[in-house]
Amino acid sequence: MDINSSTVFLAGATGLAGSAIISHLLELYPDVRIRAVYHKTSPHIEHKQVEYVQGDLRSLDGCRQLALGCDYAVMAAANTGGAAILESEPWGQINDNAIMNAQMLEAFTFENVKRVVYVSSASLYQECEKDIREEELDLNKDPCMSHYGMGWVVRFIEKLCWFWHQRCGMEVLIARAANIFGPFDKFDPKTSHFIPAIIRKAVDRKNPFEVWGSPDVTRDVIYSEDIAEAIVAMLDNDTIRFDTFNIGSATKISVANVVSLALKYAQYNPSAIKYQANKPSTIRHRSLDCTKARELLGWKPRYTIESGIRKTTEWWIENRDWWRK
C-alpha cells in the first residue's frame, strides 16, 4: 500500500511529536490524507490534506469512528510531564495513557487499519548505566521509581501491541523514544521536561539561574524532527510486520551541558547558576543503543543535540507570546 494514496490516523496531532510528523508526512507524500486527532491544544498547522478532528480517545466508540477509513495509524498522544508533575501527581498519567492506547489498538483492529506505529517511551526500561538495547528490557526489574507507574503502563501497552498483532495480524511497530524536545513542546514550568524548562529560564533571563537536580545527570534526547523521520520510516517499511526500535540520539548529554547551550543560544550570562539537588528529579542516567533502527530502518538522527537546542531556543524566542502549553 502506498502512503501517498492513503489516509493516516494521527493521535496527538497538535503536540510536540505530532506536529513534526504532520510536517514530515506532507513533505514526503504531498497527496497523503491525514486525520489529525487532538484533545485540547488547538491546531496550528493548516493544510488542505490535513483534517483536524477533536476527540476523546478514552472512548472506544469515539476511537472507532475516528479510525474509520484509515489505512495507517500513529499513536503519538500521551499525557506527559516532567519531574515536577511526577512528584506532585504520580498517578495523573496512568489512567489516561492506559485507557486511550488500549482503546485505540482495539479500534484499529476492528476498523482494519493495516499498520500502526506506537510511540512508546524509554521510561519503561529498568535502571542501566550503559547504552541499553531493545532486547535488554527486563520485565523482572521495575522501571525507576520516578517513572514506576508510567513505565509499567508503557510495558502493558507494548504487550497489547503484540497481542493484537498475534491475534489479528495487524502490523505494529514500536518506537521506544528518548526524551523528545523541539518546537511546540511543553514550556509551562508545571508540566515541562527538563530541556524546555531550561530554555524558558534562559530566555526569561532568570537570575539567579536555578536548575532542578544535579548538573551531572545525563539523558539521551531526540529532536522532534528526527523522531518524526523515524516514525515515518516505520510506516513506510512494509517488510517488517512487528518489531521494536529504540529511537534516540545514541549520545548522552548532561544537564550542565544543556544549561550551557540554552544560555549560549539565548545570549544570556547569569551571574550565578544554582543546581537544586533537593528538588524532584528522575533517573540519573539513561542512554539508548539505536543500532537496530539504523540497520533495519536506515534511520539515524540528522540533528545534533546542540543544533536541536539551538533551533528550539530560537523557536521559543519567536513564539513564546502565543504558544501556551
C-alpha atoms as a PDB file:
ATOM      1  CA  MET A   1       0.000   0.000   0.000  1.00  0.00           C
ATOM      2  CA  ASP A   2       1.318   3.439  -0.937  1.00  0.00           C
ATOM      3  CA  ILE A   3       1.262   6.029   1.862  1.00  0.00           C
ATOM      4  CA  ASN A   4       0.872   8.802  -0.705  1.00  0.00           C
ATOM      5  CA  SER A   5      -2.580   7.499  -1.682  1.00  0.00           C
ATOM      6  CA  SER A   6      -3.645   6.570   1.849  1.00  0.00           C
ATOM      7  CA  THR A   7      -5.233   8.078   4.942  1.00  0.00           C
ATOM      8  CA  VAL A   8      -3.112   8.229   8.091  1.00  0.00           C
ATOM      9  CA  PHE A   9      -4.725   8.484  11.530  1.00  0.00           C
ATOM     10  CA  LEU A  10      -2.527  10.606  13.816  1.00  0.00           C
ATOM     11  CA  ALA A  11      -3.292  10.830  17.538  1.00  0.00           C
ATOM     12  CA  GLY A  12      -1.661  13.707  19.395  1.00  0.00           C
ATOM     13  CA  ALA A  13      -1.593  15.738  16.200  1.00  0.00           C
ATOM     14  CA  THR A  14      -1.106  19.151  17.815  1.00  0.00           C
ATOM     15  CA  GLY A  15       1.600  18.031  20.228  1.00  0.00           C
ATOM     16  CA  LEU A  16       5.361  18.045  20.036  1.00  0.00           C
ATOM     17  CA  ALA A  17       5.867  14.837  18.046  1.00  0.00           C
ATOM     18  CA  GLY A  18       2.556  15.078  16.178  1.00  0.00           C
ATOM     19  CA  SER A  19       3.327  18.500  14.725  1.00  0.00           C
ATOM     20  CA  ALA A  20       6.655  17.259  13.373  1.00  0.00           C
ATOM     21  CA  ILE A  21       5.058  14.081  11.989  1.00  0.00           C
ATOM     22  CA  ILE A  22       2.480  16.110  10.042  1.00  0.00           C
ATOM     23  CA  SER A  23       5.194  18.288   8.512  1.00  0.00           C
ATOM     24  CA  HIS A  24       7.355  15.308   7.549  1.00  0.00           C
ATOM     25  CA  LEU A  25       4.475  13.299   6.072  1.00  0.00           C
ATOM     26  CA  LEU A  26       3.405  16.244   3.912  1.00  0.00           C
ATOM     27  CA  GLU A  27       6.981  16.827   2.800  1.00  0.00           C
ATOM     28  CA  LEU A  28       7.442  13.232   1.621  1.00  0.00           C
ATOM     29  CA  TYR A  29       3.885  12.425   0.492  1.00  0.00           C
ATOM     30  CA  PRO A  30       2.090  15.515  -0.853  1.00  0.00           C
ATOM     31  CA  ASP A  31      -1.107  13.559  -1.601  1.00  0.00           C
ATOM     32  CA  VAL A  32      -1.377  11.770   1.744  1.00  0.00           C
ATOM     33  CA  ARG A  33      -4.512  12.453   3.773  1.00  0.00           C
ATOM     34  CA  ILE A  34      -4.012  12.954   7.497  1.00  0.00           C
ATOM     35  CA  ARG A  35      -6.809  12.593  10.033  1.00  0.00           C
ATOM     36  CA  ALA A  36      -5.244  14.686  12.770  1.00  0.00           C
ATOM     37  CA  VAL A  37      -6.839  13.946  16.148  1.00  0.00           C
ATOM     38  CA  TYR A  38      -6.309  16.333  19.043  1.00  0.00           C
ATOM     39  CA  HIS A  39      -7.766  16.843  22.514  1.00  0.00           C
ATOM     40  CA  LYS A  40      -7.058  20.297  23.993  1.00  0.00           C
ATOM     41  CA  THR A  41      -4.307  22.097  22.071  1.00  0.00           C
ATOM     42  CA  SER A  42      -5.779  23.837  19.017  1.00  0.00           C
ATOM     43  CA  PRO A  43      -4.422  23.097  15.514  1.00  0.00           C
ATOM     44  CA  HIS A  44      -1.581  25.307  14.331  1.00  0.00           C
ATOM     45  CA  ILE A  45      -0.529  23.721  11.006  1.00  0.00           C
ATOM     46  CA  GLU A  46      -3.075  24.338   8.262  1.00  0.00           C
ATOM     47  CA  HIS A  47      -3.026  22.276   5.070  1.00  0.00           C
ATOM     48  CA  LYS A  48      -5.677  21.039   2.659  1.00  0.00           C
ATOM     49  CA  GLN A  49      -4.567  17.424   3.176  1.00  0.00           C
ATOM     50  CA  VAL A  50      -4.979  17.611   6.961  1.00  0.00           C
ATOM     51  CA  GLU A  51      -8.386  17.024   8.561  1.00  0.00           C
ATOM     52  CA  TYR A  52      -8.340  18.058  12.215  1.00  0.00           C
ATOM     53  CA  VAL A  53     -10.812  16.301  14.499  1.00  0.00           C
ATOM     54  CA  GLN A  54     -11.179  16.981  18.211  1.00  0.00           C
ATOM     55  CA  GLY A  55     -11.875  13.768  20.063  1.00  0.00           C
ATOM     56  CA  ASP A  56     -11.666  11.864  23.325  1.00  0.00           C
ATOM     57  CA  LEU A  57      -9.528   8.781  22.757  1.00  0.00           C
ATOM     58  CA  ARG A  58     -10.634   7.246  26.052  1.00  0.00           C
ATOM     59  CA  SER A  59     -13.909   6.241  24.340  1.00  0.00           C
ATOM     60  CA  LEU A  60     -13.858   3.065  22.238  1.00  0.00           C
ATOM     61  CA  ASP A  61     -16.775   4.239  20.093  1.00  0.00           C
ATOM     62  CA  GLY A  62     -15.001   7.547  19.569  1.00  0.00           C
ATOM     63  CA  CYS A  63     -11.786   5.787  18.581  1.00  0.00           C
ATOM     64  CA  ARG A  64     -13.601   3.552  16.091  1.00  0.00           C
ATOM     65  CA  GLN A  65     -15.342   6.498  14.479  1.00  0.00           C
ATOM     66  CA  LEU A  66     -12.057   8.390  14.182  1.00  0.00           C
ATOM     67  CA  ALA A  67     -10.222   5.365  12.757  1.00  0.00           C
ATOM     68  CA  LEU A  68     -12.911   4.549  10.172  1.00  0.00           C
ATOM     69  CA  GLY A  69     -11.425   4.539   6.678  1.00  0.00           C
ATOM     70  CA  CYS A  70      -7.810   4.961   7.786  1.00  0.00           C
ATOM     71  CA  ASP A  71      -5.053   2.775   6.333  1.00  0.00           C
ATOM     72  CA  TYR A  72      -2.233   3.657   8.728  1.00  0.00           C
ATOM     73  CA  ALA A  73      -2.104   4.984  12.281  1.00  0.00           C
ATOM     74  CA  VAL A  74       0.388   6.696  14.566  1.00  0.00           C
ATOM     75  CA  MET A  75      -0.258   6.659  18.307  1.00  0.00           C
ATOM     76  CA  ALA A  76       1.557   9.812  19.457  1.00  0.00           C
ATOM     77  CA  ALA A  77      -0.973  11.035  22.032  1.00  0.00           C
ATOM     78  CA  ALA A  78       0.149  10.993  25.645  1.00  0.00           C
ATOM     79  CA  ASN A  79      -0.487  12.647  28.970  1.00  0.00           C
ATOM     80  CA  THR A  80       3.099  13.549  29.883  1.00  0.00           C
ATOM     81  CA  GLY A  81       5.069  15.743  32.239  1.00  0.00           C
ATOM     82  CA  GLY A  82       8.441  16.310  33.844  1.00  0.00           C
ATOM     83  CA  ALA A  83       9.825  15.804  37.333  1.00  0.00           C
ATOM     84  CA  ALA A  84       7.501  18.359  38.956  1.00  0.00           C
ATOM     85  CA  ILE A  85       4.261  16.724  37.841  1.00  0.00           C
ATOM     86  CA  LEU A  86       5.651  13.232  38.513  1.00  0.00           C
ATOM     87  CA  GLU A  87       6.390  14.334  42.079  1.00  0.00           C
ATOM     88  CA  SER A  88       3.079  16.099  42.766  1.00  0.00           C
ATOM     89  CA  GLU A  89       0.693  13.793  40.861  1.00  0.00           C
ATOM     90  CA  PRO A  90       2.474  10.496  40.083  1.00  0.00           C
ATOM     91  CA  TRP A  91      -0.875   8.841  39.319  1.00  0.00           C
ATOM     92  CA  GLY A  92      -2.039  11.547  36.896  1.00  0.00           C
ATOM     93  CA  GLN A  93      -0.660   9.994  33.715  1.00  0.00           C
ATOM     94  CA  ILE A  94      -1.559   6.384  34.399  1.00  0.00           C
ATOM     95  CA  ASN A  95      -5.278   6.040  33.637  1.00  0.00           C
ATOM     96  CA  ASP A  96      -5.436   8.297  30.582  1.00  0.00           C
ATOM     97  CA  ASN A  97      -2.455   6.683  28.870  1.00  0.00           C
ATOM     98  CA  ALA A  98      -3.525   3.124  29.643  1.00  0.00           C
ATOM     99  CA  ILE A  99      -7.133   3.621  28.561  1.00  0.00           C
ATOM    100  CA  MET A 100      -6.679   5.645  25.387  1.00  0.00           C
ATOM    101  CA  ASN A 101      -3.889   3.477  23.966  1.00  0.00           C
ATOM    102  CA  ALA A 102      -5.780   0.262  24.724  1.00  0.00           C
ATOM    103  CA  GLN A 103      -8.928   1.686  23.096  1.00  0.00           C
ATOM    104  CA  MET A 104      -7.028   2.850  20.022  1.00  0.00           C
ATOM    105  CA  LEU A 105      -5.441  -0.547  19.431  1.00  0.00           C
ATOM    106  CA  GLU A 106      -8.819  -2.282  19.649  1.00  0.00           C
ATOM    107  CA  ALA A 107     -10.410   0.299  17.346  1.00  0.00           C
ATOM    108  CA  PHE A 108      -7.640  -0.028  14.748  1.00  0.00           C
ATOM    109  CA  THR A 109      -8.072  -3.787  14.709  1.00  0.00           C
ATOM    110  CA  PHE A 110     -11.817  -3.697  14.107  1.00  0.00           C
ATOM    111  CA  GLU A 111     -11.607  -0.843  11.578  1.00  0.00           C
ATOM    112  CA  ASN A 112      -8.992  -2.785   9.572  1.00  0.00           C
ATOM    113  CA  VAL A 113      -6.113  -0.346   9.906  1.00  0.00           C
ATOM    114  CA  LYS A 114      -3.193  -2.033   8.137  1.00  0.00           C
ATOM    115  CA  ARG A 115      -0.191  -0.715  10.042  1.00  0.00           C
ATOM    116  CA  VAL A 116       0.274   1.071  13.372  1.00  0.00           C
ATOM    117  CA  VAL A 117       3.245   2.844  14.935  1.00  0.00           C
ATOM    118  CA  TYR A 118       3.055   3.208  18.711  1.00  0.00           C
ATOM    119  CA  VAL A 119       5.246   5.958  20.160  1.00  0.00           C
ATOM    120  CA  SER A 120       6.427   4.269  23.332  1.00  0.00           C
ATOM    121  CA  SER A 121       8.904   5.627  25.874  1.00  0.00           C
ATOM    122  CA  ALA A 122      12.333   4.734  27.191  1.00  0.00           C
ATOM    123  CA  SER A 123      10.847   5.253  30.665  1.00  0.00           C
ATOM    124  CA  LEU A 124       9.842   1.568  30.585  1.00  0.00           C
ATOM    125  CA  TYR A 125      13.464   0.436  30.995  1.00  0.00           C
ATOM    126  CA  GLN A 126      14.986  -0.631  34.277  1.00  0.00           C
ATOM    127  CA  GLU A 127      17.954   1.401  35.503  1.00  0.00           C
ATOM    128  CA  CYS A 128      21.051   0.726  33.419  1.00  0.00           C
ATOM    129  CA  GLU A 129      24.380   2.571  33.293  1.00  0.00           C
ATOM    130  CA  LYS A 130      25.280   1.560  29.726  1.00  0.00           C
ATOM    131  CA  ASP A 131      23.555   2.090  26.372  1.00  0.00           C
ATOM    132  CA  ILE A 132      20.592  -0.263  26.586  1.00  0.00           C
ATOM    133  CA  ARG A 133      19.351  -2.389  23.678  1.00  0.00           C
ATOM    134  CA  GLU A 134      15.730  -3.259  22.975  1.00  0.00           C
ATOM    135  CA  GLU A 135      16.119  -6.907  23.971  1.00  0.00           C
ATOM    136  CA  GLU A 136      17.675  -5.927  27.311  1.00  0.00           C
ATOM    137  CA  LEU A 137      14.346  -4.791  28.751  1.00  0.00           C
ATOM    138  CA  ASP A 138      13.974  -6.926  31.885  1.00  0.00           C
ATOM    139  CA  LEU A 139      10.372  -7.308  32.982  1.00  0.00           C
ATOM    140  CA  ASN A 140      11.582  -8.875  36.220  1.00  0.00           C
ATOM    141  CA  LYS A 141      13.025  -5.491  37.171  1.00  0.00           C
ATOM    142  CA  ASP A 142      10.880  -2.413  37.755  1.00  0.00           C
ATOM    143  CA  PRO A 143      11.315   0.909  35.972  1.00  0.00           C
ATOM    144  CA  CYS A 144      12.975   3.558  38.154  1.00  0.00           C
ATOM    145  CA  MET A 145      10.665   4.731  40.942  1.00  0.00           C
ATOM    146  CA  SER A 146      10.064   8.197  39.461  1.00  0.00           C
ATOM    147  CA  HIS A 147       8.642   6.502  36.337  1.00  0.00           C
ATOM    148  CA  TYR A 148       7.236   3.436  38.080  1.00  0.00           C
ATOM    149  CA  GLY A 149       3.554   3.921  37.214  1.00  0.00           C
ATOM    150  CA  MET A 150       4.011   5.234  33.694  1.00  0.00           C
ATOM    151  CA  GLY A 151       6.803   2.763  32.990  1.00  0.00           C
ATOM    152  CA  TRP A 152       4.508  -0.172  33.729  1.00  0.00           C
ATOM    153  CA  VAL A 153       1.704   1.361  31.646  1.00  0.00           C
ATOM    154  CA  VAL A 154       4.060   1.595  28.662  1.00  0.00           C
ATOM    155  CA  ARG A 155       5.158  -2.017  29.198  1.00  0.00           C
ATOM    156  CA  PHE A 156       1.499  -3.071  29.260  1.00  0.00           C
ATOM    157  CA  ILE A 157       0.655  -1.206  26.037  1.00  0.00           C
ATOM    158  CA  GLU A 158       3.633  -2.762  24.265  1.00  0.00           C
ATOM    159  CA  LYS A 159       2.296  -6.189  25.277  1.00  0.00           C
ATOM    160  CA  LEU A 160      -1.123  -5.209  23.903  1.00  0.00           C
ATOM    161  CA  CYS A 161       0.559  -4.257  20.620  1.00  0.00           C
ATOM    162  CA  TRP A 162       1.941  -7.806  20.427  1.00  0.00           C
ATOM    163  CA  PHE A 163      -1.423  -9.295  21.411  1.00  0.00           C
ATOM    164  CA  TRP A 164      -3.324  -7.551  18.600  1.00  0.00           C
ATOM    165  CA  HIS A 165      -0.603  -8.329  16.071  1.00  0.00           C
ATOM    166  CA  GLN A 166      -0.548 -12.006  17.024  1.00  0.00           C
ATOM    167  CA  ARG A 167      -4.328 -12.332  17.350  1.00  0.00           C
ATOM    168  CA  CYS A 168      -5.470 -10.402  14.277  1.00  0.00           C
ATOM    169  CA  GLY A 169      -2.391  -9.851  12.124  1.00  0.00           C
ATOM    170  CA  MET A 170      -2.355  -6.064  12.451  1.00  0.00           C
ATOM    171  CA  GLU A 171       1.156  -4.790  11.735  1.00  0.00           C
ATOM    172  CA  VAL A 172       2.561  -2.872  14.706  1.00  0.00           C
ATOM    173  CA  LEU A 173       5.933  -1.187  15.082  1.00  0.00           C
ATOM    174  CA  ILE A 174       7.002   0.318  18.399  1.00  0.00           C
ATOM    175  CA  ALA A 175       9.235   3.383  18.778  1.00  0.00           C
ATOM    176  CA  ARG A 176      10.826   3.482  22.235  1.00  0.00           C
ATOM    177  CA  ALA A 177      11.618   7.170  22.272  1.00  0.00           C
ATOM    178  CA  ALA A 178      14.197   9.028  24.305  1.00  0.00           C
ATOM    179  CA  ASN A 179      13.150  12.410  25.754  1.00  0.00           C
ATOM    180  CA  ILE A 180      11.690  14.305  22.787  1.00  0.00           C
ATOM    181  CA  PHE A 181      12.193  18.068  22.560  1.00  0.00           C
ATOM    182  CA  GLY A 182      11.630  20.764  19.966  1.00  0.00           C
ATOM    183  CA  PRO A 183       9.101  23.362  18.771  1.00  0.00           C
ATOM    184  CA  PHE A 184       5.565  23.029  20.210  1.00  0.00           C
ATOM    185  CA  ASP A 185       6.963  21.425  23.368  1.00  0.00           C
ATOM    186  CA  LYS A 186       5.503  21.987  26.831  1.00  0.00           C
ATOM    187  CA  PHE A 187       7.175  25.099  28.233  1.00  0.00           C
ATOM    188  CA  ASP A 188       4.867  25.518  31.233  1.00  0.00           C
ATOM    189  CA  PRO A 189       7.069  25.025  34.343  1.00  0.00           C
ATOM    190  CA  LYS A 190       4.374  22.824  35.902  1.00  0.00           C
ATOM    191  CA  THR A 191       4.407  20.263  33.089  1.00  0.00           C
ATOM    192  CA  SER A 192       7.614  20.699  31.083  1.00  0.00           C
ATOM    193  CA  HIS A 193      10.511  18.287  30.738  1.00  0.00           C
ATOM    194  CA  PHE A 194      13.992  19.486  31.565  1.00  0.00           C
ATOM    195  CA  ILE A 195      15.112  20.894  28.190  1.00  0.00           C
ATOM    196  CA  PRO A 196      12.146  23.258  27.577  1.00  0.00           C
ATOM    197  CA  ALA A 197      12.215  24.214  31.269  1.00  0.00           C
ATOM    198  CA  ILE A 198      15.870  25.241  30.998  1.00  0.00           C
ATOM    199  CA  ILE A 199      15.330  27.032  27.677  1.00  0.00           C
ATOM    200  CA  ARG A 200      12.442  29.026  29.129  1.00  0.00           C
ATOM    201  CA  LYS A 201      14.529  30.142  32.112  1.00  0.00           C
ATOM    202  CA  ALA A 202      17.368  31.161  29.786  1.00  0.00           C
ATOM    203  CA  VAL A 203      15.100  33.191  27.504  1.00  0.00           C
ATOM    204  CA  ASP A 204      13.364  34.748  30.535  1.00  0.00           C
ATOM    205  CA  ARG A 205      16.841  35.698  31.847  1.00  0.00           C
ATOM    206  CA  LYS A 206      16.302  34.256  35.300  1.00  0.00           C
ATOM    207  CA  ASN A 207      18.869  35.399  37.853  1.00  0.00           C
ATOM    208  CA  PRO A 208      19.925  33.517  39.839  1.00  0.00           C
ATOM    209  CA  PHE A 209      19.551  30.745  37.288  1.00  0.00           C
ATOM    210  CA  GLU A 210      18.089  27.810  39.234  1.00  0.00           C
ATOM    211  CA  VAL A 211      18.106  24.282  37.836  1.00  0.00           C
ATOM    212  CA  TRP A 212      16.367  21.294  39.411  1.00  0.00           C
ATOM    213  CA  GLY A 213      18.630  18.335  40.136  1.00  0.00           C
ATOM    214  CA  SER A 214      22.326  17.682  39.715  1.00  0.00           C
ATOM    215  CA  PRO A 215      24.474  19.039  36.851  1.00  0.00           C
ATOM    216  CA  ASP A 216      25.939  15.593  36.109  1.00  0.00           C
ATOM    217  CA  VAL A 217      22.605  13.865  35.414  1.00  0.00           C
ATOM    218  CA  THR A 218      22.674  12.627  31.808  1.00  0.00           C
ATOM    219  CA  ARG A 219      19.968  11.830  29.267  1.00  0.00           C
ATOM    220  CA  ASP A 220      19.588  10.534  25.749  1.00  0.00           C
ATOM    221  CA  VAL A 221      17.323  13.045  23.991  1.00  0.00           C
ATOM    222  CA  ILE A 222      15.922  13.327  20.470  1.00  0.00           C
ATOM    223  CA  TYR A 223      14.884  16.362  18.433  1.00  0.00           C
ATOM    224  CA  SER A 224      11.269  16.284  17.237  1.00  0.00           C
ATOM    225  CA  GLU A 225      12.093  16.319  13.510  1.00  0.00           C
ATOM    226  CA  ASP A 226      14.308  13.274  13.984  1.00  0.00           C
ATOM    227  CA  ILE A 227      11.635  11.276  15.821  1.00  0.00           C
ATOM    228  CA  ALA A 228       9.178  12.208  13.049  1.00  0.00           C
ATOM    229  CA  GLU A 229      11.531  10.853  10.396  1.00  0.00           C
ATOM    230  CA  ALA A 230      11.944   7.606  12.342  1.00  0.00           C
ATOM    231  CA  ILE A 231       8.186   7.147  12.725  1.00  0.00           C
ATOM    232  CA  VAL A 232       7.510   7.762   9.036  1.00  0.00           C
ATOM    233  CA  ALA A 233      10.299   5.295   8.177  1.00  0.00           C
ATOM    234  CA  MET A 234       8.447   2.708  10.285  1.00  0.00           C
ATOM    235  CA  LEU A 235       5.174   3.425   8.489  1.00  0.00           C
ATOM    236  CA  ASP A 236       6.878   3.040   5.133  1.00  0.00           C
ATOM    237  CA  ASN A 237       8.815  -0.187   5.774  1.00  0.00           C
ATOM    238  CA  ASP A 238       6.415  -2.922   4.716  1.00  0.00           C
ATOM    239  CA  THR A 239       8.986  -5.705   5.170  1.00  0.00           C
ATOM    240  CA  ILE A 240       8.639  -5.575   8.973  1.00  0.00           C
ATOM    241  CA  ARG A 241       5.349  -6.822  10.434  1.00  0.00           C
ATOM    242  CA  PHE A 242       6.151  -6.368  14.124  1.00  0.00           C
ATOM    243  CA  ASP A 243       9.220  -5.008  15.877  1.00  0.00           C
ATOM    244  CA  THR A 244      10.503  -2.591  18.498  1.00  0.00           C
ATOM    245  CA  PHE A 245      13.103   0.129  17.961  1.00  0.00           C
ATOM    246  CA  ASN A 246      14.990   2.449  20.277  1.00  0.00           C
ATOM    247  CA  ILE A 247      14.809   5.973  18.871  1.00  0.00           C
ATOM    248  CA  GLY A 248      17.275   8.409  20.397  1.00  0.00           C
ATOM    249  CA  SER A 249      20.410  10.347  19.623  1.00  0.00           C
ATOM    250  CA  ALA A 250      22.574   7.447  20.905  1.00  0.00           C
ATOM    251  CA  THR A 251      24.586  10.007  22.860  1.00  0.00           C
ATOM    252  CA  LYS A 252      24.262  11.313  26.390  1.00  0.00           C
ATOM    253  CA  ILE A 253      24.110  14.959  27.377  1.00  0.00           C
ATOM    254  CA  SER A 254      24.407  16.257  30.924  1.00  0.00           C
ATOM    255  CA  VAL A 255      22.067  18.784  32.478  1.00  0.00           C
ATOM    256  CA  ALA A 256      25.050  21.127  32.833  1.00  0.00           C
ATOM    257  CA  ASN A 257      25.694  20.971  29.074  1.00  0.00           C
ATOM    258  CA  VAL A 258      22.019  21.633  28.304  1.00  0.00           C
ATOM    259  CA  VAL A 259      22.203  24.704  30.556  1.00  0.00           C
ATOM    260  CA  SER A 260      25.344  25.893  28.776  1.00  0.00           C
ATOM    261  CA  LEU A 261      23.785  25.506  25.318  1.00  0.00           C
ATOM    262  CA  ALA A 262      20.466  27.116  26.278  1.00  0.00           C
ATOM    263  CA  LEU A 263      22.290  30.127  27.740  1.00  0.00           C
ATOM    264  CA  LYS A 264      24.514  30.326  24.657  1.00  0.00           C
ATOM    265  CA  TYR A 265      21.625  30.487  22.197  1.00  0.00           C
ATOM    266  CA  ALA A 266      19.517  32.726  24.435  1.00  0.00           C
ATOM    267  CA  GLN A 267      22.568  35.016  24.589  1.00  0.00           C
ATOM    268  CA  TYR A 268      22.372  35.258  28.347  1.00  0.00           C
ATOM    269  CA  ASN A 269      25.060  35.068  31.018  1.00  0.00           C
ATOM    270  CA  PRO A 270      23.544  34.920  34.522  1.00  0.00           C
ATOM    271  CA  SER A 271      25.617  35.972  37.499  1.00  0.00           C
ATOM    272  CA  ALA A 272      25.021  32.601  39.183  1.00  0.00           C
ATOM    273  CA  ILE A 273      23.803  29.106  38.284  1.00  0.00           C
ATOM    274  CA  LYS A 274      22.360  27.156  41.197  1.00  0.00           C
ATOM    275  CA  TYR A 275      21.670  23.431  40.950  1.00  0.00           C
ATOM    276  CA  GLN A 276      18.962  22.407  43.414  1.00  0.00           C
ATOM    277  CA  ALA A 277      19.683  18.817  44.366  1.00  0.00           C
ATOM    278  CA  ASN A 278      16.762  18.814  46.810  1.00  0.00           C
ATOM    279  CA  LYS A 279      14.202  19.387  44.043  1.00  0.00           C
ATOM    280  CA  PRO A 280      12.361  16.487  42.358  1.00  0.00           C
ATOM    281  CA  SER A 281      14.327  14.726  39.648  1.00  0.00           C
ATOM    282  CA  THR A 282      14.102  11.416  37.816  1.00  0.00           C
ATOM    283  CA  ILE A 283      16.628   8.721  36.878  1.00  0.00           C
ATOM    284  CA  ARG A 284      20.277   9.854  36.931  1.00  0.00           C
ATOM    285  CA  HIS A 285      21.423   8.290  33.660  1.00  0.00           C
ATOM    286  CA  ARG A 286      19.786   6.809  30.583  1.00  0.00           C
ATOM    287  CA  SER A 287      21.055   6.242  27.056  1.00  0.00           C
ATOM    288  CA  LEU A 288      19.784   4.065  24.222  1.00  0.00           C
ATOM    289  CA  ASP A 289      21.552   1.798  21.760  1.00  0.00           C
ATOM    290  CA  CYS A 290      19.910   2.689  18.428  1.00  0.00           C
ATOM    291  CA  THR A 291      21.898   0.304  16.217  1.00  0.00           C
ATOM    292  CA  LYS A 292      18.798  -1.687  15.276  1.00  0.00           C
ATOM    293  CA  ALA A 293      16.953   1.350  13.866  1.00  0.00           C
ATOM    294  CA  ARG A 294      19.998   2.293  11.838  1.00  0.00           C
ATOM    295  CA  GLU A 295      20.449  -1.194  10.407  1.00  0.00           C
ATOM    296  CA  LEU A 296      16.815  -2.185   9.739  1.00  0.00           C
ATOM    297  CA  LEU A 297      15.175   1.178   9.029  1.00  0.00           C
ATOM    298  CA  GLY A 298      18.135   3.046   7.548  1.00  0.00           C
ATOM    299  CA  TRP A 299      17.422   5.806  10.063  1.00  0.00           C
ATOM    300  CA  LYS A 300      19.744   7.943  12.110  1.00  0.00           C
ATOM    301  CA  PRO A 301      19.252  11.430  13.567  1.00  0.00           C
ATOM    302  CA  ARG A 302      20.084  14.345  11.284  1.00  0.00           C
ATOM    303  CA  TYR A 303      20.335  16.877  14.094  1.00  0.00           C
ATOM    304  CA  THR A 304      22.936  17.010  16.820  1.00  0.00           C
ATOM    305  CA  ILE A 305      21.632  17.724  20.300  1.00  0.00           C
ATOM    306  CA  GLU A 306      23.249  21.157  20.123  1.00  0.00           C
ATOM    307  CA  SER A 307      21.575  22.059  16.820  1.00  0.00           C
ATOM    308  CA  GLY A 308      18.236  20.864  18.201  1.00  0.00           C
ATOM    309  CA  ILE A 309      18.610  23.038  21.298  1.00  0.00           C
ATOM    310  CA  ARG A 310      19.564  25.992  19.099  1.00  0.00           C
ATOM    311  CA  LYS A 311      16.505  25.546  16.863  1.00  0.00           C
ATOM    312  CA  THR A 312      14.202  25.041  19.859  1.00  0.00           C
ATOM    313  CA  THR A 313      15.543  28.132  21.642  1.00  0.00           C
ATOM    314  CA  GLU A 314      15.126  30.240  18.509  1.00  0.00           C
ATOM    315  CA  TRP A 315      11.575  28.922  18.065  1.00  0.00           C
ATOM    316  CA  TRP A 316      10.656  29.729  21.677  1.00  0.00           C
ATOM    317  CA  ILE A 317      12.041  33.263  21.388  1.00  0.00           C
ATOM    318  CA  GLU A 318       9.847  33.824  18.324  1.00  0.00           C
ATOM    319  CA  ASN A 319       6.686  32.102  19.611  1.00  0.00           C
ATOM    320  CA  ARG A 320       6.545  32.460  23.399  1.00  0.00           C
ATOM    321  CA  ASP A 321       3.966  35.259  23.201  1.00  0.00           C
ATOM    322  CA  TRP A 322       1.300  32.969  21.718  1.00  0.00           C
ATOM    323  CA  TRP A 323       2.284  29.376  22.464  1.00  0.00           C
ATOM    324  CA  ARG A 324       0.652  28.157  25.652  1.00  0.00           C
ATOM    325  CA  LYS A 325       1.295  24.588  26.739  1.00  0.00           C
END
